[in-house]
Amino acid sequence: MTGRRLIQIQFTRPNGFKPLSWTIRKVQRTEFSHVRLAWDGIGGTVPVIYEASGSNLKFIGPIAAAQHKVKVINSFKFNLPEDQYRALVKLCMTYANVDYGKKQLIGIGLVKTFRLKKNPFADGRKSQVCSEVIGMFLTDILGHDLDLDLDIAGPKEIMETIVKIKQRKD
């Protein structure tokens, strides 16, 4: 597959007990609390992970990934042509080190708990949570109309959307 790159969207949870992950899993009623992008980088020898976690959006190298292992619950593969791969790298570089949307995450919890229509802490793309990163990939790079408000969608809604996308292709 010359000129193509295999990209994975991985749904994960940390090893061990993490209160935020536990809360997200309970609210969503899922086994996962996080979603991220992963692919083989330079010449297929350096694995790359790109995610919104901790305090910002970032690339995770193999040493950090080994030190902070997670359990991958589900994974979806997308085979990108070179132009889409370059657009993905550009998107990731553009948003690298943007703040993690901690307030936005609280807002998502409020939306889910009180059935609000909008996230009171939404800030567009000024900060990001993990589901927004994947939503940007699906819309901006792959061109899918998600019919989701990324300011209130969590990993569960992203997974449901990907399943629908994959079913349409089959």
C-alpha atoms as a PDB file:
ATOM      1  CA  MET A   1       0.000   0.000   0.000  1.00  0.00           C
ATOM      2  CA  THR A   2       2.397   2.612  -1.213  1.00  0.00           C
ATOM      3  CA  GLY A   3       1.507   6.145  -0.228  1.00  0.00           C
ATOM      4  CA  ARG A   4      -1.062   5.110   2.369  1.00  0.00           C
ATOM      5  CA  ARG A   5      -0.939   5.287   6.167  1.00  0.00           C
ATOM      6  CA  LEU A   6      -2.839   3.167   8.635  1.00  0.00           C
ATOM      7  CA  ILE A   7      -4.301   5.345  11.401  1.00  0.00           C
ATOM      8  CA  GLN A   8      -6.081   3.908  14.432  1.00  0.00           C
ATOM      9  CA  ILE A   9      -8.673   5.518  16.646  1.00  0.00           C
ATOM     10  CA  GLN A  10      -8.210   3.797  19.996  1.00  0.00           C
ATOM     11  CA  PHE A  11     -10.682   3.796  22.866  1.00  0.00           C
ATOM     12  CA  THR A  12      -8.801   3.304  26.117  1.00  0.00           C
ATOM     13  CA  ARG A  13      -8.825   3.389  29.869  1.00  0.00           C
ATOM     14  CA  PRO A  14      -5.902   3.632  32.270  1.00  0.00           C
ATOM     15  CA  ASN A  15      -4.479   0.686  34.128  1.00  0.00           C
ATOM     16  CA  GLY A  16      -5.325   1.065  37.773  1.00  0.00           C
ATOM     17  CA  PHE A  17      -7.902   3.305  39.414  1.00  0.00           C
ATOM     18  CA  LYS A  18      -8.098   6.908  38.199  1.00  0.00           C
ATOM     19  CA  PRO A  19     -11.087   8.858  39.595  1.00  0.00           C
ATOM     20  CA  LEU A  20     -11.732  10.911  36.439  1.00  0.00           C
ATOM     21  CA  SER A  21     -11.627   7.840  34.189  1.00  0.00           C
ATOM     22  CA  TRP A  22     -13.873   5.939  36.567  1.00  0.00           C
ATOM     23  CA  THR A  23     -16.382   8.824  36.577  1.00  0.00           C
ATOM     24  CA  ILE A  24     -16.414   9.107  32.782  1.00  0.00           C
ATOM     25  CA  ARG A  25     -16.940   5.354  32.420  1.00  0.00           C
ATOM     26  CA  LYS A  26     -19.810   5.389  34.922  1.00  0.00           C
ATOM     27  CA  VAL A  27     -21.528   8.381  33.286  1.00  0.00           C
ATOM     28  CA  GLN A  28     -21.104   6.935  29.780  1.00  0.00           C
ATOM     29  CA  ARG A  29     -21.745   3.336  30.861  1.00  0.00           C
ATOM     30  CA  THR A  30     -18.704   2.165  28.885  1.00  0.00           C
ATOM     31  CA  GLU A  31     -15.488   0.271  29.527  1.00  0.00           C
ATOM     32  CA  PHE A  32     -13.429   3.160  28.107  1.00  0.00           C
ATOM     33  CA  SER A  33     -12.986   6.768  29.160  1.00  0.00           C
ATOM     34  CA  HIS A  34     -10.630   8.100  26.520  1.00  0.00           C
ATOM     35  CA  VAL A  35     -10.097   8.164  22.770  1.00  0.00           C
ATOM     36  CA  ARG A  36      -6.896   8.910  20.856  1.00  0.00           C
ATOM     37  CA  LEU A  37      -5.128   8.582  17.513  1.00  0.00           C
ATOM     38  CA  ALA A  38      -2.245   6.164  16.935  1.00  0.00           C
ATOM     39  CA  TRP A  39      -0.084   5.293  13.947  1.00  0.00           C
ATOM     40  CA  ASP A  40       3.371   4.133  12.959  1.00  0.00           C
ATOM     41  CA  GLY A  41       5.498   7.187  12.369  1.00  0.00           C
ATOM     42  CA  ILE A  42       8.894   7.601  10.787  1.00  0.00           C
ATOM     43  CA  GLY A  43       9.441   4.698   8.440  1.00  0.00           C
ATOM     44  CA  GLY A  44       7.035   2.588  10.479  1.00  0.00           C
ATOM     45  CA  THR A  45       9.602   2.300  13.267  1.00  0.00           C
ATOM     46  CA  VAL A  46       8.419   4.896  15.796  1.00  0.00           C
ATOM     47  CA  PRO A  47       4.843   4.504  17.056  1.00  0.00           C
ATOM     48  CA  VAL A  48       2.992   7.805  17.426  1.00  0.00           C
ATOM     49  CA  ILE A  49       0.096   8.565  19.745  1.00  0.00           C
ATOM     50  CA  TYR A  50      -1.716  11.895  19.640  1.00  0.00           C
ATOM     51  CA  GLU A  51      -4.194  12.743  22.367  1.00  0.00           C
ATOM     52  CA  ALA A  52      -5.792  15.345  24.569  1.00  0.00           C
ATOM     53  CA  SER A  53      -4.938  14.441  28.144  1.00  0.00           C
ATOM     54  CA  GLY A  54      -3.334  15.851  31.245  1.00  0.00           C
ATOM     55  CA  SER A  55      -2.928  19.555  30.559  1.00  0.00           C
ATOM     56  CA  ASN A  56      -2.802  19.702  26.745  1.00  0.00           C
ATOM     57  CA  LEU A  57      -2.882  18.076  23.317  1.00  0.00           C
ATOM     58  CA  LYS A  58       0.311  16.214  22.677  1.00  0.00           C
ATOM     59  CA  PHE A  59       2.257  13.551  20.897  1.00  0.00           C
ATOM     60  CA  ILE A  60       3.182  10.585  23.079  1.00  0.00           C
ATOM     61  CA  GLY A  61       6.382   8.778  22.177  1.00  0.00           C
ATOM     62  CA  PRO A  62       7.120   5.110  22.779  1.00  0.00           C
ATOM     63  CA  ILE A  63       9.028   5.654  26.038  1.00  0.00           C
ATOM     64  CA  ALA A  64       6.202   7.668  27.622  1.00  0.00           C
ATOM     65  CA  ALA A  65       3.632   5.182  26.281  1.00  0.00           C
ATOM     66  CA  ALA A  66       5.539   2.326  27.919  1.00  0.00           C
ATOM     67  CA  GLN A  67       5.734   4.228  31.216  1.00  0.00           C
ATOM     68  CA  HIS A  68       2.005   5.063  31.209  1.00  0.00           C
ATOM     69  CA  LYS A  69       0.396   1.960  29.759  1.00  0.00           C
ATOM     70  CA  VAL A  70      -3.315   1.934  29.070  1.00  0.00           C
ATOM     71  CA  LYS A  71      -5.769  -0.757  28.142  1.00  0.00           C
ATOM     72  CA  VAL A  72      -7.062  -0.428  24.581  1.00  0.00           C
ATOM     73  CA  ILE A  73     -10.716  -1.463  24.699  1.00  0.00           C
ATOM     74  CA  ASN A  74     -11.527  -0.988  21.029  1.00  0.00           C
ATOM     75  CA  SER A  75      -9.734   0.233  17.934  1.00  0.00           C
ATOM     76  CA  PHE A  76     -10.874   1.335  14.481  1.00  0.00           C
ATOM     77  CA  LYS A  77      -8.517   1.480  11.511  1.00  0.00           C
ATOM     78  CA  PHE A  78      -8.525   4.044   8.724  1.00  0.00           C
ATOM     79  CA  ASN A  79      -6.259   3.706   5.711  1.00  0.00           C
ATOM     80  CA  LEU A  80      -5.374   7.240   4.619  1.00  0.00           C
ATOM     81  CA  PRO A  81      -3.909   8.355   1.314  1.00  0.00           C
ATOM     82  CA  GLU A  82      -0.772  10.476   1.626  1.00  0.00           C
ATOM     83  CA  ASP A  83      -2.618  13.810   1.252  1.00  0.00           C
ATOM     84  CA  GLN A  84      -4.990  13.008   4.125  1.00  0.00           C
ATOM     85  CA  TYR A  85      -2.084  11.769   6.240  1.00  0.00           C
ATOM     86  CA  ARG A  86      -0.250  15.054   5.692  1.00  0.00           C
ATOM     87  CA  ALA A  87      -3.429  16.952   6.569  1.00  0.00           C
ATOM     88  CA  LEU A  88      -3.691  14.882   9.771  1.00  0.00           C
ATOM     89  CA  VAL A  89      -0.108  15.684  10.774  1.00  0.00           C
ATOM     90  CA  LYS A  90      -0.756  19.366  10.019  1.00  0.00           C
ATOM     91  CA  LEU A  91      -3.911  19.295  12.162  1.00  0.00           C
ATOM     92  CA  CYS A  92      -2.031  17.614  15.022  1.00  0.00           C
ATOM     93  CA  MET A  93       0.850  20.082  14.805  1.00  0.00           C
ATOM     94  CA  THR A  94      -1.570  23.029  14.676  1.00  0.00           C
ATOM     95  CA  TYR A  95      -3.249  21.949  17.911  1.00  0.00           C
ATOM     96  CA  ALA A  96      -0.205  20.490  19.696  1.00  0.00           C
ATOM     97  CA  ASN A  97       0.104  21.915  23.212  1.00  0.00           C
ATOM     98  CA  VAL A  98      -3.344  23.562  23.122  1.00  0.00           C
ATOM     99  CA  ASP A  99      -4.877  23.399  26.596  1.00  0.00           C
ATOM    100  CA  TYR A 100      -6.869  20.363  27.654  1.00  0.00           C
ATOM    101  CA  GLY A 101     -10.511  21.415  28.093  1.00  0.00           C
ATOM    102  CA  LYS A 102     -10.949  20.726  31.809  1.00  0.00           C
ATOM    103  CA  LYS A 103     -13.855  23.170  32.098  1.00  0.00           C
ATOM    104  CA  GLN A 104     -15.360  21.748  28.943  1.00  0.00           C
ATOM    105  CA  LEU A 105     -15.220  18.276  30.457  1.00  0.00           C
ATOM    106  CA  ILE A 106     -17.111  19.568  33.496  1.00  0.00           C
ATOM    107  CA  GLY A 107     -19.628  21.104  31.098  1.00  0.00           C
ATOM    108  CA  ILE A 108     -20.099  17.758  29.342  1.00  0.00           C
ATOM    109  CA  GLY A 109     -20.827  16.226  32.740  1.00  0.00           C
ATOM    110  CA  LEU A 110     -23.390  18.955  33.434  1.00  0.00           C
ATOM    111  CA  VAL A 111     -25.028  18.388  30.045  1.00  0.00           C
ATOM    112  CA  LYS A 112     -25.302  14.657  30.711  1.00  0.00           C
ATOM    113  CA  THR A 113     -26.486  15.071  34.306  1.00  0.00           C
ATOM    114  CA  PHE A 114     -29.011  17.873  33.799  1.00  0.00           C
ATOM    115  CA  ARG A 115     -29.927  17.162  30.155  1.00  0.00           C
ATOM    116  CA  LEU A 116     -28.786  20.589  29.035  1.00  0.00           C
ATOM    117  CA  LYS A 117     -28.807  21.458  25.324  1.00  0.00           C
ATOM    118  CA  LYS A 118     -25.441  23.251  25.353  1.00  0.00           C
ATOM    119  CA  ASN A 119     -22.186  22.988  27.215  1.00  0.00           C
ATOM    120  CA  PRO A 120     -21.940  26.070  29.463  1.00  0.00           C
ATOM    121  CA  PHE A 121     -18.137  25.883  29.245  1.00  0.00           C
ATOM    122  CA  ALA A 122     -17.796  25.343  25.496  1.00  0.00           C
ATOM    123  CA  ASP A 123     -15.014  27.416  23.953  1.00  0.00           C
ATOM    124  CA  GLY A 124     -14.897  26.223  20.367  1.00  0.00           C
ATOM    125  CA  ARG A 125     -11.403  25.027  19.572  1.00  0.00           C
ATOM    126  CA  LYS A 126      -9.537  27.135  22.146  1.00  0.00           C
ATOM    127  CA  SER A 127      -9.147  24.058  24.321  1.00  0.00           C
ATOM    128  CA  GLN A 128      -9.806  20.423  23.486  1.00  0.00           C
ATOM    129  CA  VAL A 129     -10.967  17.199  25.070  1.00  0.00           C
ATOM    130  CA  CYS A 130     -10.184  13.798  23.589  1.00  0.00           C
ATOM    131  CA  SER A 131     -13.494  13.365  21.772  1.00  0.00           C
ATOM    132  CA  GLU A 132     -13.098  16.751  20.053  1.00  0.00           C
ATOM    133  CA  VAL A 133      -9.690  15.748  18.689  1.00  0.00           C
ATOM    134  CA  ILE A 134     -11.175  12.654  17.087  1.00  0.00           C
ATOM    135  CA  GLY A 135     -14.187  14.639  15.894  1.00  0.00           C
ATOM    136  CA  MET A 136     -11.831  17.070  14.131  1.00  0.00           C
ATOM    137  CA  PHE A 137     -10.046  14.141  12.484  1.00  0.00           C
ATOM    138  CA  LEU A 138     -13.332  12.656  11.273  1.00  0.00           C
ATOM    139  CA  THR A 139     -14.702  15.965   9.957  1.00  0.00           C
ATOM    140  CA  ASP A 140     -11.664  17.992   8.882  1.00  0.00           C
ATOM    141  CA  ILE A 141      -9.546  15.148   7.481  1.00  0.00           C
ATOM    142  CA  LEU A 142     -11.988  12.410   6.484  1.00  0.00           C
ATOM    143  CA  GLY A 143     -14.827  14.765   5.537  1.00  0.00           C
ATOM    144  CA  HIS A 144     -17.606  13.072   7.517  1.00  0.00           C
ATOM    145  CA  ASP A 145     -20.666  15.018   8.631  1.00  0.00           C
ATOM    146  CA  LEU A 146     -20.903  13.780  12.198  1.00  0.00           C
ATOM    147  CA  ASP A 147     -24.221  15.269  13.206  1.00  0.00           C
ATOM    148  CA  LEU A 148     -22.647  15.735  16.661  1.00  0.00           C
ATOM    149  CA  ASP A 149     -22.030  18.761  18.813  1.00  0.00           C
ATOM    150  CA  LEU A 150     -18.368  18.178  19.663  1.00  0.00           C
ATOM    151  CA  ASP A 151     -18.702  20.474  22.696  1.00  0.00           C
ATOM    152  CA  ILE A 152     -20.946  17.867  24.354  1.00  0.00           C
ATOM    153  CA  ALA A 153     -19.974  14.591  22.659  1.00  0.00           C
ATOM    154  CA  GLY A 154     -17.909  12.183  24.699  1.00  0.00           C
ATOM    155  CA  PRO A 155     -15.952   9.103  23.679  1.00  0.00           C
ATOM    156  CA  LYS A 156     -19.145   7.003  23.673  1.00  0.00           C
ATOM    157  CA  GLU A 157     -20.798   9.215  21.045  1.00  0.00           C
ATOM    158  CA  ILE A 158     -17.605   9.225  18.988  1.00  0.00           C
ATOM    159  CA  MET A 159     -17.519   5.420  19.030  1.00  0.00           C
ATOM    160  CA  GLU A 160     -21.184   5.168  18.038  1.00  0.00           C
ATOM    161  CA  THR A 161     -20.512   7.559  15.158  1.00  0.00           C
ATOM    162  CA  ILE A 162     -17.485   5.592  13.954  1.00  0.00           C
ATOM    163  CA  VAL A 163     -19.518   2.369  14.023  1.00  0.00           C
ATOM    164  CA  LYS A 164     -22.135   4.076  11.797  1.00  0.00           C
ATOM    165  CA  ILE A 165     -19.418   5.324   9.430  1.00  0.00           C
ATOM    166  CA  LYS A 166     -17.890   1.857   9.173  1.00  0.00           C
ATOM    167  CA  GLN A 167     -21.331   0.260   8.591  1.00  0.00           C
ATOM    168  CA  ARG A 168     -22.042   2.661   5.703  1.00  0.00           C
ATOM    169  CA  LYS A 169     -18.778   1.609   4.051  1.00  0.00           C
ATOM    170  CA  ASP A 170     -19.527  -2.131   4.332  1.00  0.00           C
END
